[in-house]
Amino acid sequence: MKEKILFLGYVNSPLIAWLESYKYIVVSVSDKISFDYIQENRFDYLISYGYRYIISKDIIEYFDNKGINLHISFLPWNKGADPNLWSFVDNTKKGVTIHYLDVSVDSGDIIVQKEVEFDMQKDTLSTSYNKLQQEVQSLFKENWELIRTHQCNRNKQVGEGSYHKSKDKKNINHLITNSWDTLVSHLVDKNK
C-alpha cells in the first residue's frame, strides 16, 4: 500500500511532484485543517512547508514523530513569521532548518539545518527568499529517506533565539524602501 502524505502549505510546491514521482500519495492543503480531517484520511506523514496556521496539539500527537516542518531560518533564530526579513533586520544567522513539529511555533527538535551565505551588496529580500526556498527544498530531498525511516538526527534547539509575529513587521516597514527589491544590506545598515 502506498504511503500517504499530508502536505500543508504551498500547494504548488515542486516538492509535491518530487514526492509523487516516488509513488507517494500526496494531499496538498493550504486551508486550516481539523483533527477529524486527519483521522478520516489516515495520513502516514505530515509535511508543513509555508503553512499559515498553527497545528493543534492533537494533530501533532497523532503523527507521533512523523510530522515535520521546513522553515527558512537558522533556528532557534527567527521563529514565526517573515524569518528571511528578520534574519537581516536582527542580523542573526541566516539559513534553513527542517525540524519536528511540536506544540510551540518552530521550536521542535532539529533534524537538519544549513547556514546560507548572501551577497550583502547584491541580494534583495526577493533573491534571498528564493535562495532560501531552494536550499530548504534541496535539504529536504537529501534527507527525506532518513526522515521517513527515522534514521535522521534529532537535536534539541539550543538557546532562546527569536520569534516574530506578522504584526511585528509594522514597526520596521520604513526599512523596506523598495518592496521585495530592497537590498538586504539596507535592512542591516538602517537598523543599527
C-alpha atoms as a PDB file:
ATOM      1  CA  MET A   1       0.000   0.000   0.000  1.00  0.00           C
ATOM      2  CA  LYS A   2       1.292   3.459  -0.906  1.00  0.00           C
ATOM      3  CA  GLU A   3       2.209   5.808   1.914  1.00  0.00           C
ATOM      4  CA  LYS A   4       0.019   8.891   2.212  1.00  0.00           C
ATOM      5  CA  ILE A   5       1.474  12.326   2.947  1.00  0.00           C
ATOM      6  CA  LEU A   6      -0.432  15.407   4.061  1.00  0.00           C
ATOM      7  CA  PHE A   7       1.456  18.381   2.636  1.00  0.00           C
ATOM      8  CA  LEU A   8       0.399  21.600   4.371  1.00  0.00           C
ATOM      9  CA  GLY A   9       1.256  24.978   2.892  1.00  0.00           C
ATOM     10  CA  TYR A  10       2.469  25.785  -0.607  1.00  0.00           C
ATOM     11  CA  VAL A  11       0.053  23.832  -2.824  1.00  0.00           C
ATOM     12  CA  ASN A  12       2.233  24.478  -5.886  1.00  0.00           C
ATOM     13  CA  SER A  13       5.492  23.429  -4.229  1.00  0.00           C
ATOM     14  CA  PRO A  14       7.816  21.449  -6.501  1.00  0.00           C
ATOM     15  CA  LEU A  15       8.308  19.082  -3.555  1.00  0.00           C
ATOM     16  CA  ILE A  16       4.802  17.702  -4.150  1.00  0.00           C
ATOM     17  CA  ALA A  17       5.663  16.497  -7.665  1.00  0.00           C
ATOM     18  CA  TRP A  18       9.013  15.214  -6.386  1.00  0.00           C
ATOM     19  CA  LEU A  19       7.284  13.113  -3.707  1.00  0.00           C
ATOM     20  CA  GLU A  20       4.683  11.887  -6.189  1.00  0.00           C
ATOM     21  CA  SER A  21       7.469  10.768  -8.532  1.00  0.00           C
ATOM     22  CA  TYR A  22       8.458   8.330  -5.769  1.00  0.00           C
ATOM     23  CA  LYS A  23       4.877   6.979  -5.763  1.00  0.00           C
ATOM     24  CA  TYR A  24       3.677   8.614  -2.540  1.00  0.00           C
ATOM     25  CA  ILE A  25       0.082   9.751  -2.393  1.00  0.00           C
ATOM     26  CA  VAL A  26       0.309  13.467  -1.584  1.00  0.00           C
ATOM     27  CA  VAL A  27      -2.659  15.528  -0.463  1.00  0.00           C
ATOM     28  CA  SER A  28      -1.869  19.238  -0.529  1.00  0.00           C
ATOM     29  CA  VAL A  29      -3.830  21.647   1.673  1.00  0.00           C
ATOM     30  CA  SER A  30      -3.365  25.344   2.405  1.00  0.00           C
ATOM     31  CA  ASP A  31      -6.544  25.845   4.467  1.00  0.00           C
ATOM     32  CA  LYS A  32      -6.858  25.220   8.196  1.00  0.00           C
ATOM     33  CA  ILE A  33      -7.283  21.513   8.961  1.00  0.00           C
ATOM     34  CA  SER A  34      -9.109  19.721  11.738  1.00  0.00           C
ATOM     35  CA  PHE A  35      -8.289  16.590  13.709  1.00  0.00           C
ATOM     36  CA  ASP A  36     -11.366  14.902  12.209  1.00  0.00           C
ATOM     37  CA  TYR A  37      -9.944  15.510   8.716  1.00  0.00           C
ATOM     38  CA  ILE A  38      -6.680  13.821   9.762  1.00  0.00           C
ATOM     39  CA  GLN A  39      -8.452  10.790  11.214  1.00  0.00           C
ATOM     40  CA  GLU A  40     -10.776  10.382   8.239  1.00  0.00           C
ATOM     41  CA  ASN A  41      -7.913  10.401   5.736  1.00  0.00           C
ATOM     42  CA  ARG A  42      -5.400   8.262   7.657  1.00  0.00           C
ATOM     43  CA  PHE A  43      -2.219  10.011   6.617  1.00  0.00           C
ATOM     44  CA  ASP A  44       1.168   8.412   7.282  1.00  0.00           C
ATOM     45  CA  TYR A  45       3.201  11.652   7.372  1.00  0.00           C
ATOM     46  CA  LEU A  46       2.683  15.378   7.723  1.00  0.00           C
ATOM     47  CA  ILE A  47       4.976  17.856   5.982  1.00  0.00           C
ATOM     48  CA  SER A  48       4.413  21.522   6.772  1.00  0.00           C
ATOM     49  CA  TYR A  49       6.056  23.995   4.396  1.00  0.00           C
ATOM     50  CA  GLY A  50       4.805  27.563   4.330  1.00  0.00           C
ATOM     51  CA  TYR A  51       1.619  26.684   6.220  1.00  0.00           C
ATOM     52  CA  ARG A  52      -0.026  29.773   7.728  1.00  0.00           C
ATOM     53  CA  TYR A  53      -1.826  28.145  10.653  1.00  0.00           C
ATOM     54  CA  ILE A  54      -0.711  26.772  13.993  1.00  0.00           C
ATOM     55  CA  ILE A  55      -1.097  22.999  14.005  1.00  0.00           C
ATOM     56  CA  SER A  56      -3.054  21.759  17.017  1.00  0.00           C
ATOM     57  CA  LYS A  57      -1.607  19.514  19.706  1.00  0.00           C
ATOM     58  CA  ASP A  58      -3.935  16.596  18.898  1.00  0.00           C
ATOM     59  CA  ILE A  59      -2.773  16.586  15.263  1.00  0.00           C
ATOM     60  CA  ILE A  60       0.891  16.745  16.278  1.00  0.00           C
ATOM     61  CA  GLU A  61       0.386  13.858  18.709  1.00  0.00           C
ATOM     62  CA  TYR A  62      -1.476  11.849  16.060  1.00  0.00           C
ATOM     63  CA  PHE A  63       1.599  11.917  13.804  1.00  0.00           C
ATOM     64  CA  ASP A  64       3.865  10.778  16.666  1.00  0.00           C
ATOM     65  CA  ASN A  65       7.199  11.995  15.259  1.00  0.00           C
ATOM     66  CA  LYS A  66       6.029  11.738  11.655  1.00  0.00           C
ATOM     67  CA  GLY A  67       5.256  15.447  11.389  1.00  0.00           C
ATOM     68  CA  ILE A  68       7.952  17.855  10.194  1.00  0.00           C
ATOM     69  CA  ASN A  69       8.269  21.494   9.219  1.00  0.00           C
ATOM     70  CA  LEU A  70      10.517  23.148   6.639  1.00  0.00           C
ATOM     71  CA  HIS A  71      11.488  26.628   7.833  1.00  0.00           C
ATOM     72  CA  ILE A  72      13.605  29.267   6.111  1.00  0.00           C
ATOM     73  CA  SER A  73      15.606  30.375   9.115  1.00  0.00           C
ATOM     74  CA  PHE A  74      18.513  29.021  11.108  1.00  0.00           C
ATOM     75  CA  LEU A  75      16.589  28.000  14.216  1.00  0.00           C
ATOM     76  CA  PRO A  76      16.274  28.909  17.007  1.00  0.00           C
ATOM     77  CA  TRP A  77      16.555  32.322  15.335  1.00  0.00           C
ATOM     78  CA  ASN A  78      13.554  33.891  13.628  1.00  0.00           C
ATOM     79  CA  LYS A  79      10.769  31.513  14.553  1.00  0.00           C
ATOM     80  CA  GLY A  80       7.342  32.523  13.293  1.00  0.00           C
ATOM     81  CA  ALA A  81       6.528  34.983  10.529  1.00  0.00           C
ATOM     82  CA  ASP A  82       8.858  36.561   7.962  1.00  0.00           C
ATOM     83  CA  PRO A  83      12.014  34.687   9.008  1.00  0.00           C
ATOM     84  CA  ASN A  84      14.002  35.838   5.980  1.00  0.00           C
ATOM     85  CA  LEU A  85      13.301  39.511   6.672  1.00  0.00           C
ATOM     86  CA  TRP A  86      14.076  39.266  10.380  1.00  0.00           C
ATOM     87  CA  SER A  87      17.384  37.462   9.843  1.00  0.00           C
ATOM     88  CA  PHE A  88      18.658  40.647   8.180  1.00  0.00           C
ATOM     89  CA  VAL A  89      16.916  43.169  10.429  1.00  0.00           C
ATOM     90  CA  ASP A  90      18.147  41.417  13.601  1.00  0.00           C
ATOM     91  CA  ASN A  91      21.451  40.439  11.944  1.00  0.00           C
ATOM     92  CA  THR A  92      21.204  36.804  13.056  1.00  0.00           C
ATOM     93  CA  LYS A  93      22.460  33.642  11.378  1.00  0.00           C
ATOM     94  CA  LYS A  94      20.804  33.020   8.051  1.00  0.00           C
ATOM     95  CA  GLY A  95      19.835  29.578   6.859  1.00  0.00           C
ATOM     96  CA  VAL A  96      17.230  26.854   6.661  1.00  0.00           C
ATOM     97  CA  THR A  97      16.007  24.207   9.093  1.00  0.00           C
ATOM     98  CA  ILE A  98      13.941  21.039   8.966  1.00  0.00           C
ATOM     99  CA  HIS A  99      12.513  20.182  12.368  1.00  0.00           C
ATOM    100  CA  TYR A 100       9.929  18.009  14.064  1.00  0.00           C
ATOM    101  CA  LEU A 101       6.610  19.644  14.849  1.00  0.00           C
ATOM    102  CA  ASP A 102       5.748  20.358  18.455  1.00  0.00           C
ATOM    103  CA  VAL A 103       3.125  22.443  20.233  1.00  0.00           C
ATOM    104  CA  SER A 104       5.125  25.680  20.111  1.00  0.00           C
ATOM    105  CA  VAL A 105       5.808  27.547  16.867  1.00  0.00           C
ATOM    106  CA  ASP A 106       9.052  26.449  15.169  1.00  0.00           C
ATOM    107  CA  SER A 107      10.526  25.067  18.386  1.00  0.00           C
ATOM    108  CA  GLY A 108      10.663  21.326  17.662  1.00  0.00           C
ATOM    109  CA  ASP A 109      13.804  19.224  17.653  1.00  0.00           C
ATOM    110  CA  ILE A 110      16.083  19.945  14.720  1.00  0.00           C
ATOM    111  CA  ILE A 111      16.577  17.216  12.136  1.00  0.00           C
ATOM    112  CA  VAL A 112      18.947  19.083   9.840  1.00  0.00           C
ATOM    113  CA  GLN A 113      19.857  22.675   9.095  1.00  0.00           C
ATOM    114  CA  LYS A 114      22.191  24.607   6.856  1.00  0.00           C
ATOM    115  CA  GLU A 115      23.668  28.059   7.149  1.00  0.00           C
ATOM    116  CA  VAL A 116      23.300  30.125   3.960  1.00  0.00           C
ATOM    117  CA  GLU A 117      25.529  32.993   2.816  1.00  0.00           C
ATOM    118  CA  PHE A 118      24.344  36.058   0.909  1.00  0.00           C
ATOM    119  CA  ASP A 119      25.964  38.825  -1.086  1.00  0.00           C
ATOM    120  CA  MET A 120      25.006  41.743   1.125  1.00  0.00           C
ATOM    121  CA  GLN A 121      25.552  44.259  -1.692  1.00  0.00           C
ATOM    122  CA  LYS A 122      23.568  42.413  -4.376  1.00  0.00           C
ATOM    123  CA  ASP A 123      20.922  40.259  -2.696  1.00  0.00           C
ATOM    124  CA  THR A 124      17.451  41.638  -2.119  1.00  0.00           C
ATOM    125  CA  LEU A 125      14.609  40.359   0.023  1.00  0.00           C
ATOM    126  CA  SER A 126      13.337  38.608  -3.100  1.00  0.00           C
ATOM    127  CA  THR A 127      16.601  36.955  -4.173  1.00  0.00           C
ATOM    128  CA  SER A 128      17.449  35.915  -0.631  1.00  0.00           C
ATOM    129  CA  TYR A 129      13.961  34.452  -0.145  1.00  0.00           C
ATOM    130  CA  ASN A 130      14.251  32.472  -3.376  1.00  0.00           C
ATOM    131  CA  LYS A 131      17.694  31.195  -2.412  1.00  0.00           C
ATOM    132  CA  LEU A 132      16.417  30.046   0.996  1.00  0.00           C
ATOM    133  CA  GLN A 133      13.473  28.277  -0.658  1.00  0.00           C
ATOM    134  CA  GLN A 134      15.839  26.410  -2.993  1.00  0.00           C
ATOM    135  CA  GLU A 135      18.147  25.483  -0.097  1.00  0.00           C
ATOM    136  CA  VAL A 136      15.378  24.092   2.132  1.00  0.00           C
ATOM    137  CA  GLN A 137      13.923  22.099  -0.759  1.00  0.00           C
ATOM    138  CA  SER A 138      17.341  20.603  -1.567  1.00  0.00           C
ATOM    139  CA  LEU A 139      17.920  19.815   2.093  1.00  0.00           C
ATOM    140  CA  PHE A 140      14.556  18.048   2.220  1.00  0.00           C
ATOM    141  CA  LYS A 141      15.295  15.937  -0.867  1.00  0.00           C
ATOM    142  CA  GLU A 142      18.710  14.964   0.511  1.00  0.00           C
ATOM    143  CA  ASN A 143      17.262  13.911   3.872  1.00  0.00           C
ATOM    144  CA  TRP A 144      13.728  12.662   3.197  1.00  0.00           C
ATOM    145  CA  GLU A 145      14.571   8.957   3.247  1.00  0.00           C
ATOM    146  CA  LEU A 146      16.394   9.318   6.589  1.00  0.00           C
ATOM    147  CA  ILE A 147      13.463  11.293   7.995  1.00  0.00           C
ATOM    148  CA  ARG A 148      10.887   8.812   6.705  1.00  0.00           C
ATOM    149  CA  THR A 149      12.755   5.829   8.184  1.00  0.00           C
ATOM    150  CA  HIS A 150      13.578   7.580  11.497  1.00  0.00           C
ATOM    151  CA  GLN A 151      17.319   7.362  10.869  1.00  0.00           C
ATOM    152  CA  CYS A 152      17.824  11.118  10.952  1.00  0.00           C
ATOM    153  CA  ASN A 153      19.391  13.237  13.649  1.00  0.00           C
ATOM    154  CA  ARG A 154      17.255  14.755  16.360  1.00  0.00           C
ATOM    155  CA  ASN A 155      18.720  17.627  18.367  1.00  0.00           C
ATOM    156  CA  LYS A 156      17.108  19.990  20.829  1.00  0.00           C
ATOM    157  CA  GLN A 157      17.236  23.638  19.855  1.00  0.00           C
ATOM    158  CA  VAL A 158      19.918  25.439  21.826  1.00  0.00           C
ATOM    159  CA  GLY A 159      19.236  28.927  23.187  1.00  0.00           C
ATOM    160  CA  GLU A 160      16.154  31.066  23.191  1.00  0.00           C
ATOM    161  CA  GLY A 161      16.604  32.507  19.697  1.00  0.00           C
ATOM    162  CA  SER A 162      13.923  34.898  18.496  1.00  0.00           C
ATOM    163  CA  TYR A 163      10.270  34.867  17.472  1.00  0.00           C
ATOM    164  CA  HIS A 164       8.236  37.298  15.363  1.00  0.00           C
ATOM    165  CA  LYS A 165       4.571  37.666  14.515  1.00  0.00           C
ATOM    166  CA  SER A 166       3.272  39.178  11.267  1.00  0.00           C
ATOM    167  CA  LYS A 167       2.183  42.316  13.103  1.00  0.00           C
ATOM    168  CA  ASP A 168       5.785  42.964  14.244  1.00  0.00           C
ATOM    169  CA  LYS A 169       6.642  43.995  10.690  1.00  0.00           C
ATOM    170  CA  LYS A 170       4.664  47.239  11.005  1.00  0.00           C
ATOM    171  CA  ASN A 171       7.437  48.602  13.273  1.00  0.00           C
ATOM    172  CA  ILE A 172      10.085  48.156  10.586  1.00  0.00           C
ATOM    173  CA  ASN A 173       8.104  48.838   7.382  1.00  0.00           C
ATOM    174  CA  HIS A 174      10.091  52.067   6.952  1.00  0.00           C
ATOM    175  CA  LEU A 175      13.187  49.917   6.286  1.00  0.00           C
ATOM    176  CA  ILE A 176      11.547  48.171   3.337  1.00  0.00           C
ATOM    177  CA  THR A 177      12.044  51.035   0.898  1.00  0.00           C
ATOM    178  CA  ASN A 178      11.725  49.130  -2.372  1.00  0.00           C
ATOM    179  CA  SER A 179       9.285  46.336  -1.531  1.00  0.00           C
ATOM    180  CA  TRP A 180      10.787  42.871  -2.204  1.00  0.00           C
ATOM    181  CA  ASP A 181      13.587  44.509  -4.219  1.00  0.00           C
ATOM    182  CA  THR A 182      15.004  46.189  -1.105  1.00  0.00           C
ATOM    183  CA  LEU A 183      18.684  45.338  -0.751  1.00  0.00           C
ATOM    184  CA  VAL A 184      19.321  43.237   2.347  1.00  0.00           C
ATOM    185  CA  SER A 185      22.297  45.475   3.180  1.00  0.00           C
ATOM    186  CA  HIS A 186      19.830  48.360   3.515  1.00  0.00           C
ATOM    187  CA  LEU A 187      17.941  46.467   6.231  1.00  0.00           C
ATOM    188  CA  VAL A 188      21.085  45.759   8.242  1.00  0.00           C
ATOM    189  CA  ASP A 189      22.576  49.249   7.834  1.00  0.00           C
ATOM    190  CA  LYS A 190      19.399  51.154   8.667  1.00  0.00           C
ATOM    191  CA  ASN A 191      18.587  49.164  11.779  1.00  0.00           C
ATOM    192  CA  LYS A 192      21.918  49.794  13.567  1.00  0.00           C
END
